[in-house]
Amino acid sequence: MTTRVVLVSPATSPELREARFGGGGSVDERGAARARAAAGSLPGAVRTLISPSARCRETAAELGLHGLDAPELAPLDVGRWRGRTLDEVGAAEPEAVARWLADPSGAPHGGESVEDVCARVGGWLESAAQVPGRTVAVVEPEIVRAAVVHALGIPAAAFWRLDVPPLTATELSGRAARWNVRLGSPL
């Protein structure tokens, strides 16, 4: 049985451009227009899942996707840094930011570590492998990174080296606990 999982990254938002941690804000008009233009471009799926962030819900709606909320695919929990920009946190806590970016087991913000999110998403991906057919999920970029880290069995230290542009699809296909990855196809 082959399983296919298509992970769609959401449209742009002001928070994305500001490098704001877990801002949870809405997509901007340009991102919404790009998503509407891409509606119908995704393959059919046996199930559609949507991360609980506003950006993912709005992107899914603009793409014409109706799906189930997927709390297991929630964005990385950045604890007390939530809502702040990388520049703000970097100025206030430079050592903590450096440690967080260098150490996948670190969570100086009090939320999840990169290893934690990779384990959470890896567990979800293995359960998704039991569902035949195609799953489409609209998720934040860090969830795409975590899935790729798990699927390829690469170290969590590679997490920050994976770029996930807005409105791209990353497809994972697998059978018998072996995954292949097709990265970042534009919608």
Protein backbone atom coordinates (compact mmCIF):
# COMPACT_ATOMS: atom_id res chain seq x y z
CA MET A 1 0.00 0.00 0.00
CA THR A 2 1.44 3.37 -1.02
CA THR A 3 0.53 6.43 0.99
CA ARG A 4 0.91 9.97 -0.29
CA VAL A 5 0.98 13.00 1.95
CA VAL A 6 0.97 16.45 0.34
CA LEU A 7 1.97 19.20 2.77
CA VAL A 8 0.93 22.65 1.57
CA SER A 9 2.57 25.69 3.13
CA PRO A 10 0.28 28.66 3.76
CA ALA A 11 0.10 31.98 1.93
CA THR A 12 2.07 35.00 3.06
CA SER A 13 1.11 37.14 6.02
CA PRO A 14 2.47 40.24 7.69
CA GLU A 15 3.79 38.05 10.53
CA LEU A 16 5.80 35.98 8.06
CA ARG A 17 7.41 39.05 6.53
CA GLU A 18 8.16 40.44 10.00
CA ALA A 19 9.70 37.11 11.16
CA ARG A 20 7.22 37.10 14.05
CA PHE A 21 7.09 33.98 16.23
CA GLY A 22 3.74 32.20 16.11
CA GLY A 23 1.86 35.40 15.44
CA GLY A 24 -1.20 33.49 14.30
CA GLY A 25 -2.21 36.33 12.03
CA SER A 26 -4.22 36.29 8.85
CA VAL A 27 -2.93 35.97 5.32
CA ASP A 28 -2.41 39.22 3.45
CA GLU A 29 -4.42 40.13 0.35
CA ARG A 30 -1.58 39.25 -2.02
CA GLY A 31 -1.23 35.81 -0.42
CA ALA A 32 -4.98 35.27 -0.50
CA ALA A 33 -5.10 36.21 -4.18
CA ARG A 34 -2.25 33.81 -4.98
CA ALA A 35 -4.05 31.04 -3.10
CA ARG A 36 -7.32 31.73 -4.96
CA ALA A 37 -5.40 31.58 -8.24
CA ALA A 38 -4.01 28.18 -7.23
CA ALA A 39 -7.41 26.74 -6.28
CA GLY A 40 -7.96 23.43 -8.04
CA SER A 41 -4.26 22.80 -8.61
CA LEU A 42 -3.89 20.15 -5.92
CA PRO A 43 -4.61 16.49 -6.61
CA GLY A 44 -7.68 14.86 -5.12
CA ALA A 45 -7.34 13.42 -1.64
CA VAL A 46 -9.06 10.87 0.56
CA ARG A 47 -8.68 13.30 3.45
CA THR A 48 -7.77 16.94 3.93
CA LEU A 49 -6.31 18.23 7.18
CA ILE A 50 -5.75 21.80 8.30
CA SER A 51 -3.38 23.04 10.97
CA PRO A 52 -5.14 25.17 13.60
CA SER A 53 -3.34 28.42 12.72
CA ALA A 54 -5.42 31.21 11.17
CA ARG A 55 -3.01 31.41 8.25
CA CYS A 56 -3.50 27.72 7.42
CA ARG A 57 -7.29 27.85 7.79
CA GLU A 58 -7.52 30.93 5.57
CA THR A 59 -5.14 29.47 2.97
CA ALA A 60 -7.17 26.26 2.83
CA ALA A 61 -10.37 28.25 2.35
CA GLU A 62 -8.84 30.33 -0.46
CA LEU A 63 -7.62 27.11 -2.11
CA GLY A 64 -11.18 25.77 -1.93
CA LEU A 65 -10.19 23.00 0.50
CA HIS A 66 -12.54 21.78 3.19
CA GLY A 67 -10.95 19.58 5.79
CA LEU A 68 -10.64 18.49 9.37
CA ASP A 69 -8.81 20.45 12.04
CA ALA A 70 -5.52 18.73 12.82
CA PRO A 71 -4.25 19.82 16.26
CA GLU A 72 -1.44 17.28 15.96
CA LEU A 73 -0.12 19.44 13.11
CA ALA A 74 -0.15 22.64 15.16
CA PRO A 75 2.75 25.05 14.69
CA LEU A 76 5.88 24.80 16.81
CA ASP A 77 5.13 26.08 20.32
CA VAL A 78 7.55 28.98 20.89
CA GLY A 79 6.45 29.62 24.46
CA ARG A 80 7.05 33.13 25.75
CA TRP A 81 8.42 34.28 22.37
CA ARG A 82 4.99 33.99 20.79
CA GLY A 83 3.98 37.21 19.04
CA ARG A 84 7.45 38.76 19.20
CA THR A 85 9.77 39.25 16.22
CA LEU A 86 13.08 37.47 15.83
CA ASP A 87 14.82 40.87 16.03
CA GLU A 88 13.06 41.69 19.32
CA VAL A 89 13.91 38.35 20.89
CA GLY A 90 17.44 38.45 19.48
CA ALA A 91 18.05 41.85 21.08
CA ALA A 92 16.58 40.80 24.43
CA GLU A 93 17.88 37.21 24.59
CA PRO A 94 20.74 36.76 22.10
CA GLU A 95 22.25 33.74 23.86
CA ALA A 96 18.87 32.02 24.06
CA VAL A 97 18.18 32.55 20.33
CA ALA A 98 21.66 31.30 19.41
CA ARG A 99 21.19 28.21 21.60
CA TRP A 100 17.74 27.52 20.13
CA LEU A 101 19.00 27.76 16.55
CA ALA A 102 22.09 25.61 17.25
CA ASP A 103 20.70 22.97 19.62
CA PRO A 104 17.68 20.98 18.37
CA SER A 105 16.99 19.80 21.93
CA GLY A 106 16.88 23.35 23.31
CA ALA A 107 13.70 25.22 24.16
CA PRO A 108 14.84 28.36 25.98
CA HIS A 109 11.48 29.98 25.24
CA GLY A 110 9.66 27.40 27.36
CA GLY A 111 7.81 25.78 24.45
CA GLU A 112 8.73 22.86 22.19
CA SER A 113 12.22 22.07 21.01
CA VAL A 114 12.92 21.28 17.37
CA GLU A 115 13.40 17.64 18.41
CA ASP A 116 9.99 17.69 20.11
CA VAL A 117 8.19 19.00 17.02
CA CYS A 118 10.07 16.51 14.80
CA ALA A 119 8.99 13.65 17.08
CA ARG A 120 5.38 14.88 17.19
CA VAL A 121 5.13 15.25 13.42
CA GLY A 122 7.05 12.01 12.85
CA GLY A 123 4.49 10.13 14.95
CA TRP A 124 1.69 11.70 12.95
CA LEU A 125 3.40 10.84 9.67
CA GLU A 126 3.76 7.19 10.65
CA SER A 127 0.05 7.04 11.54
CA ALA A 128 -0.76 8.75 8.23
CA ALA A 129 1.13 5.95 6.49
CA GLN A 130 -1.67 3.62 7.57
CA VAL A 131 -4.24 5.56 5.54
CA PRO A 132 -4.27 4.43 1.92
CA GLY A 133 -4.52 7.07 -0.75
CA ARG A 134 -3.58 10.73 -0.62
CA THR A 135 -3.77 13.11 2.32
CA VAL A 136 -3.50 16.86 1.73
CA ALA A 137 -2.60 18.95 4.77
CA VAL A 138 -2.22 22.73 4.95
CA VAL A 139 0.47 23.29 7.58
CA GLU A 140 3.01 25.85 8.74
CA PRO A 141 6.55 25.62 7.29
CA GLU A 142 8.03 24.15 10.48
CA ILE A 143 5.66 21.20 10.18
CA VAL A 144 6.87 20.60 6.62
CA ARG A 145 10.48 20.76 7.87
CA ALA A 146 9.75 18.32 10.69
CA ALA A 147 8.05 15.86 8.31
CA VAL A 148 11.00 15.97 5.90
CA VAL A 149 13.48 15.46 8.76
CA HIS A 150 11.52 12.40 9.87
CA ALA A 151 10.85 10.99 6.42
CA LEU A 152 14.49 11.13 5.38
CA GLY A 153 15.87 10.14 8.78
CA ILE A 154 18.17 13.15 8.81
CA PRO A 155 19.38 14.78 12.02
CA ALA A 156 17.10 17.38 13.59
CA ALA A 157 20.04 19.79 13.27
CA ALA A 158 19.12 20.04 9.55
CA PHE A 159 15.68 21.47 10.43
CA TRP A 160 16.65 25.14 9.99
CA ARG A 161 18.44 24.41 6.73
CA LEU A 162 15.21 23.46 4.96
CA ASP A 163 13.51 26.41 3.26
CA VAL A 164 9.76 26.15 2.75
CA PRO A 165 8.39 28.97 0.56
CA PRO A 166 4.75 30.06 0.87
CA LEU A 167 2.16 28.23 -1.23
CA THR A 168 4.30 25.26 -2.12
CA ALA A 169 3.51 21.56 -1.92
CA THR A 170 5.92 19.00 -0.51
CA GLU A 171 4.88 15.44 -1.30
CA LEU A 172 5.89 12.44 0.74
CA SER A 173 5.12 9.01 -0.64
CA GLY A 174 5.82 5.86 1.24
CA ARG A 175 5.32 2.22 1.83
CA ALA A 176 6.73 -0.12 4.49
CA ALA A 177 8.23 2.73 6.58
CA ARG A 178 10.22 4.12 3.65
CA TRP A 179 9.47 7.62 2.41
CA ASN A 180 10.39 9.49 -0.74
CA VAL A 181 10.19 13.29 -0.80
CA ARG A 182 9.35 15.74 -3.58
CA LEU A 183 10.14 19.20 -2.25
CA GLY A 184 8.48 22.55 -2.73
CA SER A 185 6.45 22.38 -5.92
CA PRO A 186 4.78 25.77 -6.43
CA LEU A 187 0.98 25.72 -6.51
